[in-house]
Amino acid sequence: MIELLKHNMAPLMFMGLIVGMIVGYPAAFSLAAIGLFFGIIGLQLGLIDPIYFGNLTYQLFSVVSNDLLLAIPFFTLMGAILERAGLAEDLLEGFGQLFGGVRGGLSYAVIIVGAILGAITGTVAASVIAMGLISLPVMMKYGYSIRHATGVIAAAGTVTQLVPPSLVLVVLADQLGKSVGDMYLGAIIPSMIQIALFCIWVWIVSRIWPDAVPALPPEARTLRGWPLFWRCMRGMVPSLVLIFLVLGTIFMGLATPTEAGAMGVVGAIALAWLNGRFSWPLMIQGMEMTMRITAMVVFILIGSRVFSLVFQGVGGKEWIETLLTSLPGGQVGFLIFVNLFVFVLAFFLDFFEIAFIIIPLLAPAAEKLGIDLIWFGVLLGANMQTSFMHPPFGFALFYLRGIAPKEVKSSDIYWGAIPWVFLQLILCAILIFFPRTVTYFLEKPKVDASKIEIRIDQPSLGAPPGNPFGGPPVIPSGPPVLTGPPGIDIPPPPSAPK
């Protein structure tokens, strides 16, 4: 019995983790409790040396001293301020008027504004709540299907997970040990594909079920020509400035993600002030939200470090690697299995818990199979979008339920999300089978070492033609002649006796 327990400590520990998650006990505390419980058993069975637990202090210190994680409170605060800064209203009104004349025009506007807000805020809650408060009543007023309207608002909000400067990409870069800038570059094309897939679905709906997405009546389209142009610019120009402050400075190497997040907060405060929305109650609410999210992240990180330290001590890393690298299908088989596994876990866990608990277990196996970790991280980021969307625990659906009118049923919100979840899974399939969609901007020109030539031009030293290195030194005949500094005569040496 003891031997059986020794050889199966890692699987038992993993099963304990799954049970703790399903029961619903807070992830941070269940992780630490499971880690310490199995750590004590490992000590008693002789699987872990007591000195090994000294690493725990270094692991915990690495959490609180990680400069990269400082980007999380900055991006969260920026999103909380922009949620009430009036930017979403300007964008939605301008693009709603621009696309309102076509079927599904309001849906196109919501998708585009969701992408723009995602490129500014990096948080799902800010995008979903802002667009839900503004767009949902308008879409219901003009006869949009409630299921379609709630689905497109929730889906457009979750694009924030993939559009840089996504918080998910920051966390994944930290857990995979990769550059945040590279992770952002890798996510550019996938996020564009995701937006295109959403727009294609709206077009399909407008063709098959035209009554579900009617065009706005002429009397509702009050802006045309230059007034419409300036209305769109009023929302776009501040957005582009903020995008440059955050993303442009990172891509140009002018700022780290933490510094870019700090500049984004300053820009968000300035925008709120220009729109007449800035107030101290707004700042206090934003800081309270930031404090709660940051505290949750830090506690989950501490719990996950305790769990992962003990899990590696009982041989869990080798067990996971052996299990995953032996799957049929090589890289593709591994990626399909991992994505299905993460998709199922997302029914019960949010993206922070998946990123801090599951990703460190999967990354070594992916690296061993030769999978580019940037590709792997962006793929999982696209997959983890679904954790916000699918019933019954999708946070985007909860945000929408909280601000939707009473006549909107929860069942309509859940049913409306399903087509968009399938579109997110289609994106995952595209990324698996076409990895260049992620690595395109990361590819560097290859240099053929066999064609490198090194040429060194030497000055001529009086050599005969054809000898570039000069001739041999000339040795004078006779005794050497000594000379001194100017003004000092040195007598010649005495001649040899005859």
Protein backbone atom coordinates (compact mmCIF):
# COMPACT_ATOMS: atom_id res chain seq x y z
CA MET A 1 0.00 0.00 0.00
CA ILE A 2 2.79 2.40 0.91
CA GLU A 3 4.66 1.58 -2.30
CA LEU A 4 1.51 2.12 -4.35
CA LEU A 5 1.05 5.51 -2.68
CA LYS A 6 4.66 6.48 -3.36
CA HIS A 7 4.40 5.68 -7.06
CA ASN A 8 1.08 7.52 -7.51
CA MET A 9 1.56 10.67 -5.46
CA ALA A 10 1.53 12.95 -8.51
CA PRO A 11 -1.74 11.56 -10.00
CA LEU A 12 -3.40 11.64 -6.56
CA MET A 13 -2.31 15.23 -6.05
CA PHE A 14 -3.67 16.21 -9.46
CA MET A 15 -6.98 14.50 -8.69
CA GLY A 16 -7.12 16.34 -5.37
CA LEU A 17 -6.70 19.61 -7.29
CA ILE A 18 -9.58 18.76 -9.66
CA VAL A 19 -11.85 17.80 -6.74
CA GLY A 20 -11.02 21.03 -4.91
CA MET A 21 -11.89 23.06 -8.01
CA ILE A 22 -15.19 21.25 -8.62
CA VAL A 23 -16.26 21.63 -4.98
CA GLY A 24 -15.94 25.38 -5.46
CA TYR A 25 -13.59 26.18 -2.58
CA PRO A 26 -11.57 29.35 -3.34
CA ALA A 27 -8.74 28.39 -5.67
CA ALA A 28 -5.96 30.24 -3.85
CA PHE A 29 -6.62 28.49 -0.53
CA SER A 30 -7.41 25.05 -1.97
CA LEU A 31 -4.15 25.12 -3.95
CA ALA A 32 -2.07 25.96 -0.89
CA ALA A 33 -3.94 23.45 1.30
CA ILE A 34 -3.54 20.59 -1.19
CA GLY A 35 0.12 21.44 -1.66
CA LEU A 36 0.89 21.49 2.06
CA PHE A 37 -1.18 18.35 2.74
CA PHE A 38 0.62 16.28 0.12
CA GLY A 39 3.91 17.90 1.08
CA ILE A 40 3.57 16.54 4.63
CA ILE A 41 2.72 13.09 3.24
CA GLY A 42 5.76 13.30 0.93
CA LEU A 43 7.99 14.14 3.88
CA GLN A 44 6.68 11.18 5.86
CA LEU A 45 7.19 8.79 2.93
CA GLY A 46 10.68 10.08 2.21
CA LEU A 47 9.79 11.42 -1.25
CA ILE A 48 10.74 15.00 -0.36
CA ASP A 49 13.80 16.16 1.53
CA PRO A 50 13.00 18.68 4.32
CA ILE A 51 15.63 21.02 2.87
CA TYR A 52 13.63 21.09 -0.39
CA PHE A 53 10.89 23.08 1.36
CA GLY A 54 13.40 25.90 1.83
CA ASN A 55 12.71 26.74 -1.82
CA LEU A 56 9.21 27.83 -0.80
CA THR A 57 10.44 31.14 0.60
CA TYR A 58 12.21 31.94 -2.69
CA GLN A 59 9.09 30.98 -4.66
CA LEU A 60 6.88 33.27 -2.59
CA PHE A 61 9.37 36.13 -2.76
CA SER A 62 9.49 35.77 -6.56
CA VAL A 63 5.74 36.44 -6.65
CA VAL A 64 5.84 39.73 -4.77
CA SER A 65 9.07 40.89 -6.46
CA ASN A 66 7.93 40.21 -10.05
CA ASP A 67 8.02 43.57 -11.85
CA LEU A 68 6.06 42.23 -14.82
CA LEU A 69 2.99 41.55 -12.69
CA LEU A 70 2.83 45.25 -11.83
CA ALA A 71 1.24 45.66 -15.27
CA ILE A 72 -1.93 43.94 -13.97
CA PRO A 73 -3.05 46.69 -11.55
CA PHE A 74 -2.18 49.40 -14.08
CA PHE A 75 -4.22 47.85 -16.90
CA THR A 76 -7.08 47.09 -14.49
CA LEU A 77 -7.20 50.66 -13.22
CA MET A 78 -7.04 51.99 -16.78
CA GLY A 79 -10.01 49.83 -17.77
CA ALA A 80 -12.01 50.85 -14.71
CA ILE A 81 -11.51 54.54 -15.50
CA LEU A 82 -12.26 54.19 -19.23
CA GLU A 83 -15.43 52.26 -18.40
CA ARG A 84 -16.87 55.55 -17.08
CA ALA A 85 -14.91 58.02 -19.23
CA GLY A 86 -17.48 58.34 -22.04
CA LEU A 87 -15.22 56.85 -24.74
CA ALA A 88 -17.48 53.87 -25.41
CA GLU A 89 -20.50 56.14 -25.92
CA ASP A 90 -18.71 58.23 -28.55
CA LEU A 91 -17.42 55.17 -30.39
CA LEU A 92 -20.72 53.27 -30.36
CA GLU A 93 -22.79 56.27 -31.43
CA GLY A 94 -20.43 57.12 -34.28
CA PHE A 95 -20.05 53.60 -35.66
CA GLY A 96 -23.73 52.83 -35.03
CA GLN A 97 -24.66 55.74 -37.28
CA LEU A 98 -22.01 54.72 -39.82
CA PHE A 99 -23.16 51.09 -40.18
CA GLY A 100 -26.81 51.58 -39.19
CA GLY A 101 -28.06 51.56 -42.77
CA VAL A 102 -27.20 47.88 -43.37
CA ARG A 103 -28.69 44.79 -41.78
CA GLY A 104 -26.68 43.89 -38.68
CA GLY A 105 -25.10 47.35 -38.66
CA LEU A 106 -25.34 47.72 -34.89
CA SER A 107 -23.71 44.29 -34.49
CA TYR A 108 -20.79 45.35 -36.73
CA ALA A 109 -20.45 48.51 -34.67
CA VAL A 110 -20.40 46.54 -31.39
CA ILE A 111 -17.71 44.16 -32.73
CA ILE A 112 -15.46 46.98 -33.97
CA VAL A 113 -15.88 49.05 -30.81
CA GLY A 114 -15.21 45.92 -28.72
CA ALA A 115 -11.92 45.44 -30.55
CA ILE A 116 -10.96 49.11 -30.07
CA LEU A 117 -11.84 49.03 -26.36
CA GLY A 118 -9.88 45.77 -26.08
CA ALA A 119 -6.82 47.47 -27.57
CA ILE A 120 -7.13 50.20 -24.94
CA THR A 121 -8.37 48.63 -21.72
CA GLY A 122 -7.26 44.99 -21.82
CA THR A 123 -10.12 43.97 -19.48
CA VAL A 124 -13.32 42.11 -20.37
CA ALA A 125 -15.50 43.59 -17.63
CA ALA A 126 -14.99 47.18 -18.81
CA SER A 127 -15.87 46.34 -22.42
CA VAL A 128 -18.92 44.16 -21.74
CA ILE A 129 -20.46 46.49 -19.16
CA ALA A 130 -19.89 49.65 -21.22
CA MET A 131 -21.27 48.16 -24.45
CA GLY A 132 -24.13 46.41 -22.67
CA LEU A 133 -25.34 49.58 -21.00
CA ILE A 134 -25.21 51.59 -24.24
CA SER A 135 -25.96 49.14 -27.07
CA LEU A 136 -28.38 46.57 -25.65
CA PRO A 137 -31.32 48.99 -25.10
CA VAL A 138 -30.81 50.45 -28.59
CA MET A 139 -30.65 47.01 -30.25
CA MET A 140 -33.79 45.89 -28.43
CA LYS A 141 -35.57 49.15 -29.38
CA TYR A 142 -35.00 48.58 -33.10
CA GLY A 143 -36.07 44.94 -33.12
CA TYR A 144 -32.83 42.97 -32.84
CA SER A 145 -33.14 39.38 -31.60
CA ILE A 146 -32.39 39.38 -27.87
CA ARG A 147 -30.27 36.24 -28.17
CA HIS A 148 -28.22 37.70 -30.99
CA ALA A 149 -27.84 41.07 -29.27
CA THR A 150 -26.64 39.62 -25.96
CA GLY A 151 -24.37 37.14 -27.74
CA VAL A 152 -22.62 39.73 -29.89
CA ILE A 153 -22.08 42.09 -26.94
CA ALA A 154 -20.58 39.34 -24.75
CA ALA A 155 -18.43 38.01 -27.62
CA ALA A 156 -17.16 41.47 -28.61
CA GLY A 157 -16.19 42.04 -24.99
CA THR A 158 -14.19 38.81 -24.80
CA VAL A 159 -12.12 39.80 -27.86
CA THR A 160 -10.30 41.86 -25.24
CA GLN A 161 -8.72 38.60 -24.06
CA LEU A 162 -6.79 38.29 -27.32
CA VAL A 163 -6.32 41.88 -28.51
CA PRO A 164 -3.12 43.42 -27.09
CA PRO A 165 -2.65 44.72 -24.36
CA SER A 166 -4.61 41.79 -22.95
CA LEU A 167 -4.12 40.93 -19.28
CA VAL A 168 -4.28 37.25 -20.24
CA LEU A 169 -1.28 37.64 -22.55
CA VAL A 170 0.70 39.38 -19.78
CA VAL A 171 0.00 36.51 -17.39
CA LEU A 172 0.75 33.85 -20.03
CA ALA A 173 4.04 35.54 -20.95
CA ASP A 174 5.03 35.51 -17.29
CA GLN A 175 4.11 31.84 -16.81
CA LEU A 176 5.82 30.73 -20.03
CA GLY A 177 8.93 32.83 -19.43
CA LYS A 178 8.54 34.78 -22.68
CA SER A 179 8.57 38.45 -23.65
CA VAL A 180 5.26 40.27 -23.34
CA GLY A 181 6.10 42.22 -26.51
CA ASP A 182 6.55 38.98 -28.48
CA MET A 183 3.28 37.64 -27.07
CA TYR A 184 1.53 40.82 -28.18
CA LEU A 185 3.04 40.59 -31.68
CA GLY A 186 1.96 36.97 -31.95
CA ALA A 187 -1.63 37.87 -31.05
CA ILE A 188 -2.12 40.56 -33.72
CA ILE A 189 -3.19 38.30 -36.62
CA PRO A 190 -5.27 35.88 -34.45
CA SER A 191 -7.24 38.81 -33.00
CA MET A 192 -7.89 40.12 -36.52
CA ILE A 193 -9.07 36.65 -37.61
CA GLN A 194 -11.38 36.51 -34.58
CA ILE A 195 -12.94 39.88 -35.46
CA ALA A 196 -13.35 38.75 -39.09
CA LEU A 197 -15.07 35.52 -37.99
CA PHE A 198 -17.51 37.49 -35.85
CA CYS A 199 -18.33 39.85 -38.74
CA ILE A 200 -18.81 36.91 -41.12
CA TRP A 201 -21.29 35.35 -38.69
CA VAL A 202 -23.25 38.60 -38.48
CA TRP A 203 -23.37 38.68 -42.30
CA ILE A 204 -24.63 35.06 -42.38
CA VAL A 205 -27.34 35.90 -39.83
CA SER A 206 -28.39 38.93 -41.88
CA ARG A 207 -28.83 36.72 -44.93
CA ILE A 208 -30.57 33.73 -43.31
CA TRP A 209 -32.55 35.49 -40.54
CA PRO A 210 -32.85 39.11 -41.75
CA ASP A 211 -35.55 39.96 -39.20
CA ALA A 212 -33.12 39.18 -36.35
CA VAL A 213 -30.77 42.05 -37.34
CA PRO A 214 -32.79 44.81 -39.05
CA ALA A 215 -31.27 47.98 -40.42
CA LEU A 216 -31.92 51.23 -38.57
CA PRO A 217 -34.84 53.24 -40.00
CA PRO A 218 -33.89 56.49 -41.82
CA GLU A 219 -35.25 58.67 -39.00
CA ALA A 220 -32.78 57.00 -36.56
CA ARG A 221 -29.77 57.84 -38.75
CA THR A 222 -29.52 61.51 -37.88
CA LEU A 223 -25.87 62.06 -38.80
CA ARG A 224 -24.51 62.13 -42.37
CA GLY A 225 -21.55 63.58 -44.19
CA TRP A 226 -19.07 65.66 -42.23
CA PRO A 227 -21.01 65.63 -38.94
CA LEU A 228 -20.87 61.80 -39.03
CA PHE A 229 -17.15 61.92 -39.86
CA TRP A 230 -16.36 64.24 -36.96
CA ARG A 231 -18.49 62.16 -34.62
CA CYS A 232 -16.47 59.05 -35.50
CA MET A 233 -13.20 60.96 -35.16
CA ARG A 234 -14.23 62.21 -31.73
CA GLY A 235 -14.07 58.62 -30.50
CA MET A 236 -11.25 57.36 -32.73
CA VAL A 237 -8.57 60.00 -32.12
CA PRO A 238 -8.42 59.58 -28.31
CA SER A 239 -8.52 55.81 -28.86
CA LEU A 240 -5.56 55.89 -31.25
CA VAL A 241 -3.58 58.10 -28.84
CA LEU A 242 -4.19 55.67 -25.99
CA ILE A 243 -3.34 52.67 -28.20
CA PHE A 244 -0.03 54.33 -29.09
CA LEU A 245 0.69 55.14 -25.44
CA VAL A 246 0.19 51.51 -24.47
CA LEU A 247 1.02 49.32 -27.48
CA GLY A 248 3.13 51.64 -29.59
CA THR A 249 5.63 52.30 -26.82
CA ILE A 250 5.95 48.55 -26.13
CA PHE A 251 6.47 47.58 -29.79
CA MET A 252 8.97 50.42 -30.35
CA GLY A 253 10.93 49.39 -27.28
CA LEU A 254 10.35 52.73 -25.57
CA ALA A 255 8.62 51.28 -22.50
CA THR A 256 8.14 48.04 -20.62
CA PRO A 257 4.57 46.69 -20.23
CA THR A 258 4.48 48.07 -16.68
CA GLU A 259 5.58 51.54 -17.82
CA ALA A 260 3.12 51.42 -20.74
CA GLY A 261 0.31 50.53 -18.33
CA ALA A 262 1.22 53.49 -16.14
CA MET A 263 1.11 55.83 -19.15
CA GLY A 264 -2.24 54.30 -20.11
CA VAL A 265 -3.64 55.18 -16.66
CA VAL A 266 -2.48 58.79 -17.08
CA GLY A 267 -4.08 58.89 -20.55
CA ALA A 268 -7.35 57.43 -19.24
CA ILE A 269 -7.48 60.05 -16.45
CA ALA A 270 -6.82 62.81 -18.99
CA LEU A 271 -9.57 61.50 -21.28
CA ALA A 272 -12.07 61.27 -18.43
CA TRP A 273 -11.19 64.86 -17.44
CA LEU A 274 -11.61 66.13 -21.03
CA ASN A 275 -15.03 64.48 -21.24
CA GLY A 276 -16.08 66.01 -17.92
CA ARG A 277 -16.39 62.57 -16.30
CA PHE A 278 -13.43 62.66 -13.92
CA SER A 279 -14.22 62.71 -10.21
CA TRP A 280 -12.71 61.40 -7.01
CA PRO A 281 -15.54 58.87 -6.48
CA LEU A 282 -14.67 57.47 -9.93
CA MET A 283 -11.00 57.12 -8.92
CA ILE A 284 -11.92 55.50 -5.61
CA GLN A 285 -14.20 52.96 -7.34
CA GLY A 286 -11.49 52.18 -9.87
CA MET A 287 -8.85 51.71 -7.19
CA GLU A 288 -11.14 49.47 -5.14
CA MET A 289 -11.76 47.25 -8.17
CA THR A 290 -8.03 47.20 -8.91
CA MET A 291 -7.21 46.28 -5.32
CA ARG A 292 -9.65 43.34 -5.33
CA ILE A 293 -8.38 41.90 -8.63
CA THR A 294 -4.71 42.38 -7.74
CA ALA A 295 -5.18 40.75 -4.31
CA MET A 296 -6.97 37.81 -5.96
CA VAL A 297 -4.14 37.38 -8.49
CA VAL A 298 -1.42 37.48 -5.83
CA PHE A 299 -3.19 34.96 -3.58
CA ILE A 300 -3.79 32.59 -6.51
CA LEU A 301 -0.13 32.92 -7.47
CA ILE A 302 1.06 32.16 -3.95
CA GLY A 303 -1.21 29.10 -3.73
CA SER A 304 -0.12 27.88 -7.16
CA ARG A 305 3.57 28.21 -6.24
CA VAL A 306 3.01 26.09 -3.10
CA PHE A 307 1.16 23.47 -5.15
CA SER A 308 3.67 23.39 -8.03
CA LEU A 309 6.68 23.16 -5.68
CA VAL A 310 5.28 20.06 -3.95
CA PHE A 311 3.98 18.64 -7.25
CA GLN A 312 7.46 18.79 -8.75
CA GLY A 313 8.95 17.36 -5.55
CA VAL A 314 6.84 14.19 -5.84
CA GLY A 315 7.70 13.73 -9.54
CA GLY A 316 4.68 15.46 -11.03
CA LYS A 317 6.62 17.25 -13.77
CA GLU A 318 8.00 13.98 -15.15
CA TRP A 319 4.57 12.32 -14.89
CA ILE A 320 2.87 15.11 -16.86
CA GLU A 321 5.63 15.15 -19.50
CA THR A 322 5.48 11.38 -19.98
CA LEU A 323 1.69 11.43 -20.16
CA LEU A 324 1.43 14.26 -22.68
CA THR A 325 4.42 13.55 -24.91
CA SER A 326 3.26 9.96 -25.45
CA LEU A 327 -0.05 11.09 -27.00
CA PRO A 328 -0.58 9.99 -30.63
CA GLY A 329 -0.29 12.64 -33.33
CA GLY A 330 2.84 14.43 -32.14
CA GLN A 331 2.51 18.20 -31.82
CA VAL A 332 -0.97 18.37 -33.37
CA GLY A 333 -2.30 15.56 -31.16
CA PHE A 334 -0.84 17.24 -28.08
CA LEU A 335 -2.36 20.62 -28.98
CA ILE A 336 -5.80 19.16 -29.70
CA PHE A 337 -5.82 17.28 -26.38
CA VAL A 338 -4.59 20.29 -24.40
CA ASN A 339 -7.17 22.61 -25.97
CA LEU A 340 -10.01 20.20 -25.25
CA PHE A 341 -8.72 19.83 -21.68
CA VAL A 342 -8.52 23.60 -21.14
CA PHE A 343 -11.94 24.09 -22.77
CA VAL A 344 -13.53 21.68 -20.27
CA LEU A 345 -11.68 23.22 -17.32
CA ALA A 346 -12.94 26.65 -18.39
CA PHE A 347 -16.45 25.54 -17.42
CA PHE A 348 -15.31 25.58 -13.78
CA LEU A 349 -12.25 27.85 -13.58
CA ASP A 350 -11.58 31.41 -14.67
CA PHE A 351 -8.60 32.34 -16.80
CA PHE A 352 -6.39 33.42 -13.87
CA GLU A 353 -6.75 30.00 -12.23
CA ILE A 354 -6.08 28.17 -15.51
CA ALA A 355 -3.05 30.36 -16.27
CA PHE A 356 -1.45 30.01 -12.84
CA ILE A 357 -2.33 26.36 -12.17
CA ILE A 358 -2.51 24.49 -15.46
CA ILE A 359 -0.09 26.34 -17.78
CA PRO A 360 3.05 25.65 -15.66
CA LEU A 361 2.19 21.92 -15.87
CA LEU A 362 1.74 21.96 -19.65
CA ALA A 363 4.61 24.24 -20.71
CA PRO A 364 7.51 21.76 -20.14
CA ALA A 365 5.78 19.09 -22.24
CA ALA A 366 5.11 21.61 -25.02
CA GLU A 367 8.74 22.72 -25.01
CA LYS A 368 9.92 19.11 -25.08
CA LEU A 369 7.82 18.50 -28.21
CA GLY A 370 9.47 21.48 -29.91
CA ILE A 371 6.38 23.72 -29.82
CA ASP A 372 7.04 27.46 -29.97
CA LEU A 373 5.86 28.76 -26.59
CA ILE A 374 4.61 32.03 -28.08
CA TRP A 375 2.40 30.01 -30.44
CA PHE A 376 1.34 27.82 -27.53
CA GLY A 377 0.55 30.83 -25.32
CA VAL A 378 -1.51 32.70 -27.93
CA LEU A 379 -3.41 29.50 -28.75
CA LEU A 380 -4.30 28.98 -25.10
CA GLY A 381 -5.23 32.66 -24.80
CA ALA A 382 -7.69 32.20 -27.67
CA ASN A 383 -9.06 29.08 -25.99
CA MET A 384 -9.44 30.79 -22.63
CA GLN A 385 -11.75 33.36 -24.22
CA THR A 386 -14.39 30.66 -23.91
CA SER A 387 -14.08 30.72 -20.11
CA PHE A 388 -15.91 34.07 -20.25
CA MET A 389 -18.56 32.89 -22.70
CA HIS A 390 -19.86 29.38 -22.12
CA PRO A 391 -22.62 28.59 -19.63
CA PRO A 392 -23.05 28.27 -16.74
CA PHE A 393 -20.07 30.18 -15.28
CA GLY A 394 -19.05 32.57 -18.08
CA PHE A 395 -18.15 35.88 -16.44
CA ALA A 396 -19.10 37.91 -19.52
CA LEU A 397 -22.59 36.43 -19.24
CA PHE A 398 -22.73 37.37 -15.56
CA TYR A 399 -21.63 40.95 -16.34
CA LEU A 400 -24.32 41.17 -19.01
CA ARG A 401 -26.97 39.68 -16.73
CA GLY A 402 -26.16 42.33 -14.14
CA ILE A 403 -26.81 45.28 -16.43
CA ALA A 404 -29.46 43.87 -18.83
CA PRO A 405 -33.11 44.98 -18.52
CA LYS A 406 -35.44 42.72 -16.57
CA GLU A 407 -37.27 41.54 -19.71
CA VAL A 408 -34.06 39.83 -20.90
CA LYS A 409 -34.11 36.24 -19.66
CA SER A 410 -30.97 34.47 -18.45
CA SER A 411 -31.78 31.59 -20.82
CA ASP A 412 -31.66 34.02 -23.77
CA ILE A 413 -28.21 35.20 -22.68
CA TYR A 414 -26.93 31.61 -22.39
CA TRP A 415 -28.42 30.43 -25.71
CA GLY A 416 -27.20 33.56 -27.44
CA ALA A 417 -23.59 32.84 -26.42
CA ILE A 418 -23.37 29.37 -28.00
CA PRO A 419 -22.74 30.36 -31.69
CA TRP A 420 -19.95 32.70 -30.61
CA VAL A 421 -18.27 29.97 -28.55
CA PHE A 422 -18.15 27.82 -31.70
CA LEU A 423 -16.54 30.72 -33.58
CA GLN A 424 -13.86 30.95 -30.88
CA LEU A 425 -13.20 27.21 -31.23
CA ILE A 426 -12.87 27.65 -35.02
CA LEU A 427 -10.17 30.23 -34.32
CA CYS A 428 -8.34 27.69 -32.12
CA ALA A 429 -8.44 25.15 -34.97
CA ILE A 430 -7.03 27.74 -37.39
CA LEU A 431 -4.16 28.53 -35.01
CA ILE A 432 -3.35 24.82 -34.53
CA PHE A 433 -3.13 24.01 -38.24
CA PHE A 434 -1.67 27.36 -39.38
CA PRO A 435 0.97 28.35 -36.80
CA ARG A 436 2.32 31.17 -39.01
CA THR A 437 -0.78 33.15 -38.10
CA VAL A 438 0.99 33.60 -34.75
CA THR A 439 4.67 33.51 -35.71
CA TYR A 440 4.50 35.72 -38.84
CA PHE A 441 5.59 38.94 -37.11
CA LEU A 442 8.10 37.05 -34.97
CA GLU A 443 10.07 35.51 -37.84
CA LYS A 444 13.55 36.93 -38.27
CA PRO A 445 15.53 36.77 -41.52
CA LYS A 446 17.69 33.66 -41.67
CA VAL A 447 21.41 34.03 -42.32
CA ASP A 448 23.33 31.33 -44.18
CA ALA A 449 26.61 31.04 -42.27
CA SER A 450 28.31 29.33 -45.25
CA LYS A 451 27.92 32.50 -47.36
CA ILE A 452 29.42 34.91 -44.84
CA GLU A 453 32.70 36.50 -46.04
CA ILE A 454 35.06 38.45 -43.80
CA ARG A 455 37.39 40.84 -45.63
CA ILE A 456 40.08 42.87 -43.86
CA ASP A 457 41.97 45.51 -45.84
CA GLN A 458 45.57 45.92 -44.61
CA PRO A 459 47.62 49.05 -45.37
CA SER A 460 50.60 48.54 -47.68
CA LEU A 461 54.02 48.44 -45.91
CA GLY A 462 56.15 48.90 -48.96
CA ALA A 463 55.63 45.38 -50.19
CA PRO A 464 56.15 44.48 -53.80
CA PRO A 465 53.02 44.25 -55.96
CA GLY A 466 50.91 41.21 -55.23
CA ASN A 467 51.89 41.01 -51.52
CA PRO A 468 49.26 42.92 -49.44
CA PHE A 469 50.91 42.11 -46.11
CA GLY A 470 54.20 43.93 -46.73
CA GLY A 471 57.75 42.63 -46.96
CA PRO A 472 60.08 41.29 -44.25
CA PRO A 473 61.70 43.84 -41.92
CA VAL A 474 65.05 45.27 -43.04
CA ILE A 475 67.89 44.57 -40.51
CA PRO A 476 70.69 47.17 -40.76
CA SER A 477 74.29 45.92 -40.89
CA GLY A 478 76.93 47.04 -38.40
CA PRO A 479 76.68 47.94 -34.74
CA PRO A 480 73.52 49.60 -33.54
CA VAL A 481 73.46 53.36 -33.24
CA LEU A 482 72.13 54.75 -29.97
CA THR A 483 70.25 58.03 -29.94
CA GLY A 484 68.85 59.95 -27.00
CA PRO A 485 66.24 62.60 -26.45
CA PRO A 486 66.77 66.01 -28.03
CA GLY A 487 69.52 68.00 -26.35
CA ILE A 488 71.27 64.96 -24.81
CA ASP A 489 74.29 63.52 -26.59
CA ILE A 490 75.18 59.90 -26.07
CA PRO A 491 78.79 59.11 -26.82
CA PRO A 492 79.49 56.28 -29.24
CA PRO A 493 80.45 52.97 -27.75
CA PRO A 494 84.17 52.25 -27.37
CA SER A 495 85.75 50.37 -30.18
CA ALA A 496 86.80 46.81 -29.57
CA PRO A 497 90.48 46.36 -28.57
CA LYS A 498 92.83 45.23 -31.30
